[in-house]
Amino acid sequence: MKLKVVSRKVFDYIRYDLKEIAFPSSLPDPPHLKRPKLTWTDRYLILKEASRLYAASWVRDIGPELRPHEYKKKDEDSEDKANGTKGTSTQEKEPSVIEDLAVAAKGGMETLRPALQRLYMTRASAYRDALRSFIEGYKEGVQQVMEKKEESKTQQEGDFPKNST
C-alpha cells in the first residue's frame, strides 16, 4: 500500500513539479504565440541543467559558478583581514536567522516557539518602522506641495493690480 502511495507521489512530482522547475510558466502564453517544439535531446539537456541547479540550491555553499559576485566579495574580505585592514577578525560573527532556527528546531517545540516569536516580532517591528517612515515622508511631501500651492496663490494675487473706483 505504501509503495503505491510513494510511487504515485513520485510520479506526480515528476509530472507536475519537476516540469515547472525545468520549464517554468509564470504567465500563460498569448493565444497568437506558438512555442517552438523542443526535441527530446533539448528537453533532456534543459532538465539535466535545471535539476543540477535545483540540487545545488539545497546546499548551503553552492559554489562560485552560481554566485560569482559573492565569492569576489569574500575573497576581498579575506585579503583585507589578512592585511589587517579590518578589525572584525577578533569579533565573532552573530548567527544568522536560519542557523538560529535550525538550532532551535533541533531542540524541539519548546525552543522553536520562542525563536519563531522572536523572528516574527523583529519582522513586525521592521514593517512598523518602515510604515512610520513612509507616513513621515508622505506628510513631508504633502506639506511641500501645499507650500508650493500657497506660494503660487500669493504670487498670483500680487500680480493683479487693485481696482480703486
C-alpha atoms as a PDB file:
ATOM      1  CA  MET A   1       0.000   0.000   0.000  1.00  0.00           C
ATOM      2  CA  LYS A   2       2.764   2.460   0.902  1.00  0.00           C
ATOM      3  CA  LEU A   3       4.699   1.634  -2.228  1.00  0.00           C
ATOM      4  CA  LYS A   4       1.686   2.595  -4.303  1.00  0.00           C
ATOM      5  CA  VAL A   5       1.320   5.928  -2.480  1.00  0.00           C
ATOM      6  CA  VAL A   6       5.030   6.706  -2.743  1.00  0.00           C
ATOM      7  CA  SER A   7       5.163   5.807  -6.420  1.00  0.00           C
ATOM      8  CA  ARG A   8       2.108   7.976  -7.119  1.00  0.00           C
ATOM      9  CA  LYS A   9       3.686  10.922  -5.283  1.00  0.00           C
ATOM     10  CA  VAL A  10       6.972  10.492  -7.151  1.00  0.00           C
ATOM     11  CA  PHE A  11       5.092  10.264 -10.430  1.00  0.00           C
ATOM     12  CA  ASP A  12       3.105  13.419  -9.612  1.00  0.00           C
ATOM     13  CA  TYR A  13       6.308  15.211  -8.612  1.00  0.00           C
ATOM     14  CA  ILE A  14       7.979  14.328 -11.886  1.00  0.00           C
ATOM     15  CA  ARG A  15       4.866  15.088 -13.894  1.00  0.00           C
ATOM     16  CA  TYR A  16       3.966  18.467 -12.372  1.00  0.00           C
ATOM     17  CA  ASP A  17       6.601  19.920 -10.045  1.00  0.00           C
ATOM     18  CA  LEU A  18       9.766  18.942 -11.878  1.00  0.00           C
ATOM     19  CA  LYS A  19       8.202  20.129 -15.123  1.00  0.00           C
ATOM     20  CA  GLU A  20       7.573  23.552 -13.548  1.00  0.00           C
ATOM     21  CA  ILE A  21      11.120  23.687 -12.219  1.00  0.00           C
ATOM     22  CA  ALA A  22      12.653  22.860 -15.592  1.00  0.00           C
ATOM     23  CA  PHE A  23      10.143  24.712 -17.774  1.00  0.00           C
ATOM     24  CA  PRO A  24       8.575  27.475 -15.643  1.00  0.00           C
ATOM     25  CA  SER A  25       5.361  29.060 -16.844  1.00  0.00           C
ATOM     26  CA  SER A  26       4.722  32.194 -14.829  1.00  0.00           C
ATOM     27  CA  LEU A  27       2.025  33.500 -17.122  1.00  0.00           C
ATOM     28  CA  PRO A  28       0.116  31.727 -19.854  1.00  0.00           C
ATOM     29  CA  ASP A  29       1.245  32.472 -23.365  1.00  0.00           C
ATOM     30  CA  PRO A  30      -0.952  34.706 -25.542  1.00  0.00           C
ATOM     31  CA  PRO A  31      -3.180  32.789 -27.964  1.00  0.00           C
ATOM     32  CA  HIS A  32      -1.353  34.003 -31.066  1.00  0.00           C
ATOM     33  CA  LEU A  33       2.076  32.894 -29.792  1.00  0.00           C
ATOM     34  CA  LYS A  34       3.241  29.441 -30.783  1.00  0.00           C
ATOM     35  CA  ARG A  35       6.014  27.946 -28.673  1.00  0.00           C
ATOM     36  CA  PRO A  36       8.691  26.147 -30.641  1.00  0.00           C
ATOM     37  CA  LYS A  37       8.692  22.402 -30.099  1.00  0.00           C
ATOM     38  CA  LEU A  38      11.811  21.184 -28.341  1.00  0.00           C
ATOM     39  CA  THR A  39      13.470  17.987 -29.344  1.00  0.00           C
ATOM     40  CA  TRP A  40      13.896  15.216 -26.802  1.00  0.00           C
ATOM     41  CA  THR A  41      17.623  15.913 -26.553  1.00  0.00           C
ATOM     42  CA  ASP A  42      16.966  19.613 -25.880  1.00  0.00           C
ATOM     43  CA  ARG A  43      14.423  18.721 -23.208  1.00  0.00           C
ATOM     44  CA  TYR A  44      16.860  16.272 -21.654  1.00  0.00           C
ATOM     45  CA  LEU A  45      19.665  18.844 -21.558  1.00  0.00           C
ATOM     46  CA  ILE A  46      17.393  21.527 -20.087  1.00  0.00           C
ATOM     47  CA  LEU A  47      16.041  19.122 -17.490  1.00  0.00           C
ATOM     48  CA  LYS A  48      19.545  17.963 -16.623  1.00  0.00           C
ATOM     49  CA  GLU A  49      20.786  21.527 -16.107  1.00  0.00           C
ATOM     50  CA  ALA A  50      17.678  22.552 -14.159  1.00  0.00           C
ATOM     51  CA  SER A  51      17.923  19.535 -11.866  1.00  0.00           C
ATOM     52  CA  ARG A  52      21.633  20.244 -11.292  1.00  0.00           C
ATOM     53  CA  LEU A  53      20.873  23.848 -10.336  1.00  0.00           C
ATOM     54  CA  TYR A  54      17.942  22.760  -8.188  1.00  0.00           C
ATOM     55  CA  ALA A  55      20.067  20.199  -6.348  1.00  0.00           C
ATOM     56  CA  ALA A  56      22.830  22.756  -5.908  1.00  0.00           C
ATOM     57  CA  SER A  57      20.383  25.231  -4.385  1.00  0.00           C
ATOM     58  CA  TRP A  58      19.817  22.893  -1.420  1.00  0.00           C
ATOM     59  CA  VAL A  59      23.472  23.062  -0.440  1.00  0.00           C
ATOM     60  CA  ARG A  60      24.431  25.937   1.827  1.00  0.00           C
ATOM     61  CA  ASP A  61      27.575  26.878  -0.131  1.00  0.00           C
ATOM     62  CA  ILE A  62      26.668  26.353  -3.778  1.00  0.00           C
ATOM     63  CA  GLY A  63      29.937  27.451  -5.267  1.00  0.00           C
ATOM     64  CA  PRO A  64      31.369  30.274  -7.325  1.00  0.00           C
ATOM     65  CA  GLU A  65      29.834  29.150 -10.618  1.00  0.00           C
ATOM     66  CA  LEU A  66      26.330  30.089  -9.436  1.00  0.00           C
ATOM     67  CA  ARG A  67      27.162  33.169  -7.372  1.00  0.00           C
ATOM     68  CA  PRO A  68      30.411  34.627  -8.679  1.00  0.00           C
ATOM     69  CA  HIS A  69      29.838  38.123  -7.259  1.00  0.00           C
ATOM     70  CA  GLU A  70      29.570  36.905  -3.671  1.00  0.00           C
ATOM     71  CA  TYR A  71      32.794  34.950  -3.960  1.00  0.00           C
ATOM     72  CA  LYS A  72      34.649  38.014  -5.197  1.00  0.00           C
ATOM     73  CA  LYS A  73      33.494  39.885  -2.094  1.00  0.00           C
ATOM     74  CA  LYS A  74      34.547  37.011   0.178  1.00  0.00           C
ATOM     75  CA  ASP A  75      37.991  36.892  -1.428  1.00  0.00           C
ATOM     76  CA  GLU A  76      38.412  40.646  -0.958  1.00  0.00           C
ATOM     77  CA  ASP A  77      37.298  40.379   2.670  1.00  0.00           C
ATOM     78  CA  SER A  78      39.749  37.566   3.350  1.00  0.00           C
ATOM     79  CA  GLU A  79      42.568  39.602   1.769  1.00  0.00           C
ATOM     80  CA  ASP A  80      41.631  42.624   3.902  1.00  0.00           C
ATOM     81  CA  LYS A  81      41.616  40.501   7.045  1.00  0.00           C
ATOM     82  CA  ALA A  82      44.993  39.008   6.118  1.00  0.00           C
ATOM     83  CA  ASN A  83      46.402  42.507   5.640  1.00  0.00           C
ATOM     84  CA  GLY A  84      44.902  43.664   8.934  1.00  0.00           C
ATOM     85  CA  THR A  85      42.866  46.497   7.480  1.00  0.00           C
ATOM     86  CA  LYS A  86      39.636  45.409   9.151  1.00  0.00           C
ATOM     87  CA  GLY A  87      39.347  44.920  12.903  1.00  0.00           C
ATOM     88  CA  THR A  88      36.430  42.472  12.760  1.00  0.00           C
ATOM     89  CA  SER A  89      38.630  39.378  12.845  1.00  0.00           C
ATOM     90  CA  THR A  90      38.610  39.346  16.668  1.00  0.00           C
ATOM     91  CA  GLN A  91      34.833  39.692  16.880  1.00  0.00           C
ATOM     92  CA  GLU A  92      32.666  36.604  16.459  1.00  0.00           C
ATOM     93  CA  LYS A  93      30.007  36.606  13.785  1.00  0.00           C
ATOM     94  CA  GLU A  94      26.422  36.582  15.041  1.00  0.00           C
ATOM     95  CA  PRO A  95      24.447  33.518  13.865  1.00  0.00           C
ATOM     96  CA  SER A  96      22.004  34.105  11.057  1.00  0.00           C
ATOM     97  CA  VAL A  97      18.267  33.678  11.429  1.00  0.00           C
ATOM     98  CA  ILE A  98      18.306  30.371   9.557  1.00  0.00           C
ATOM     99  CA  GLU A  99      21.068  28.985  11.754  1.00  0.00           C
ATOM    100  CA  ASP A 100      19.209  30.158  14.850  1.00  0.00           C
ATOM    101  CA  LEU A 101      16.006  28.455  13.686  1.00  0.00           C
ATOM    102  CA  ALA A 102      17.877  25.273  12.780  1.00  0.00           C
ATOM    103  CA  VAL A 103      19.389  25.048  16.262  1.00  0.00           C
ATOM    104  CA  ALA A 104      16.001  25.800  17.815  1.00  0.00           C
ATOM    105  CA  ALA A 105      14.299  23.159  15.673  1.00  0.00           C
ATOM    106  CA  LYS A 106      16.763  20.543  16.902  1.00  0.00           C
ATOM    107  CA  GLY A 107      15.807  21.418  20.467  1.00  0.00           C
ATOM    108  CA  GLY A 108      12.134  20.712  19.877  1.00  0.00           C
ATOM    109  CA  MET A 109       8.972  22.729  20.107  1.00  0.00           C
ATOM    110  CA  GLU A 110       9.923  24.342  23.437  1.00  0.00           C
ATOM    111  CA  THR A 111      12.906  26.100  21.885  1.00  0.00           C
ATOM    112  CA  LEU A 112      11.392  26.615  18.454  1.00  0.00           C
ATOM    113  CA  ARG A 113       8.411  28.652  19.649  1.00  0.00           C
ATOM    114  CA  PRO A 114      10.461  31.486  21.233  1.00  0.00           C
ATOM    115  CA  ALA A 115      12.755  31.589  18.198  1.00  0.00           C
ATOM    116  CA  LEU A 116       9.778  31.930  15.853  1.00  0.00           C
ATOM    117  CA  GLN A 117       8.215  34.568  18.107  1.00  0.00           C
ATOM    118  CA  ARG A 118      11.482  36.494  18.059  1.00  0.00           C
ATOM    119  CA  LEU A 119      11.586  36.231  14.257  1.00  0.00           C
ATOM    120  CA  TYR A 120       8.003  37.444  13.860  1.00  0.00           C
ATOM    121  CA  MET A 121       8.489  40.279  16.349  1.00  0.00           C
ATOM    122  CA  THR A 122      11.599  41.532  14.543  1.00  0.00           C
ATOM    123  CA  ARG A 123       9.781  41.398  11.221  1.00  0.00           C
ATOM    124  CA  ALA A 124       6.757  43.156  12.679  1.00  0.00           C
ATOM    125  CA  SER A 125       8.934  45.904  14.151  1.00  0.00           C
ATOM    126  CA  ALA A 126      10.729  46.301  10.814  1.00  0.00           C
ATOM    127  CA  TYR A 127       7.397  46.619   8.994  1.00  0.00           C
ATOM    128  CA  ARG A 128       6.140  49.072  11.615  1.00  0.00           C
ATOM    129  CA  ASP A 129       9.275  51.215  11.322  1.00  0.00           C
ATOM    130  CA  ALA A 130       9.062  51.161   7.526  1.00  0.00           C
ATOM    131  CA  LEU A 131       5.417  52.187   7.655  1.00  0.00           C
ATOM    132  CA  ARG A 132       6.203  55.032  10.066  1.00  0.00           C
ATOM    133  CA  SER A 133       8.999  56.343   7.881  1.00  0.00           C
ATOM    134  CA  PHE A 134       6.722  56.102   4.824  1.00  0.00           C
ATOM    135  CA  ILE A 135       3.995  58.076   6.602  1.00  0.00           C
ATOM    136  CA  GLU A 136       6.501  60.729   7.701  1.00  0.00           C
ATOM    137  CA  GLY A 137       7.846  61.055   4.166  1.00  0.00           C
ATOM    138  CA  TYR A 138       4.315  61.227   2.776  1.00  0.00           C
ATOM    139  CA  LYS A 139       3.396  64.004   5.222  1.00  0.00           C
ATOM    140  CA  GLU A 140       6.527  65.937   4.253  1.00  0.00           C
ATOM    141  CA  GLY A 141       5.688  65.553   0.570  1.00  0.00           C
ATOM    142  CA  VAL A 142       2.111  66.753   1.107  1.00  0.00           C
ATOM    143  CA  GLN A 143       3.377  69.688   3.152  1.00  0.00           C
ATOM    144  CA  GLN A 144       5.805  70.696   0.387  1.00  0.00           C
ATOM    145  CA  VAL A 145       3.052  70.543  -2.237  1.00  0.00           C
ATOM    146  CA  MET A 146       0.756  72.655  -0.067  1.00  0.00           C
ATOM    147  CA  GLU A 147       3.501  75.245   0.463  1.00  0.00           C
ATOM    148  CA  LYS A 148       4.097  75.452  -3.302  1.00  0.00           C
ATOM    149  CA  LYS A 149       0.377  75.966  -3.872  1.00  0.00           C
ATOM    150  CA  GLU A 150       0.275  78.749  -1.286  1.00  0.00           C
ATOM    151  CA  GLU A 151       3.306  80.434  -2.856  1.00  0.00           C
ATOM    152  CA  SER A 152       1.733  80.294  -6.305  1.00  0.00           C
ATOM    153  CA  LYS A 153      -1.526  81.773  -4.941  1.00  0.00           C
ATOM    154  CA  THR A 154       0.308  84.668  -3.265  1.00  0.00           C
ATOM    155  CA  GLN A 155       2.245  85.353  -6.460  1.00  0.00           C
ATOM    156  CA  GLN A 156      -0.972  85.385  -8.500  1.00  0.00           C
ATOM    157  CA  GLU A 157      -2.634  87.776  -6.052  1.00  0.00           C
ATOM    158  CA  GLY A 158       0.412  90.070  -6.160  1.00  0.00           C
ATOM    159  CA  ASP A 159       0.336  90.185  -9.974  1.00  0.00           C
ATOM    160  CA  PHE A 160      -3.195  91.587 -10.203  1.00  0.00           C
ATOM    161  CA  PRO A 161      -3.482  95.390  -9.698  1.00  0.00           C
ATOM    162  CA  LYS A 162      -6.056  96.562  -7.221  1.00  0.00           C
ATOM    163  CA  ASN A 163      -9.033  98.405  -8.730  1.00  0.00           C
ATOM    164  CA  SER A 164      -9.926 101.620  -6.941  1.00  0.00           C
ATOM    165  CA  THR A 165     -13.029 103.281  -8.274  1.00  0.00           C
END
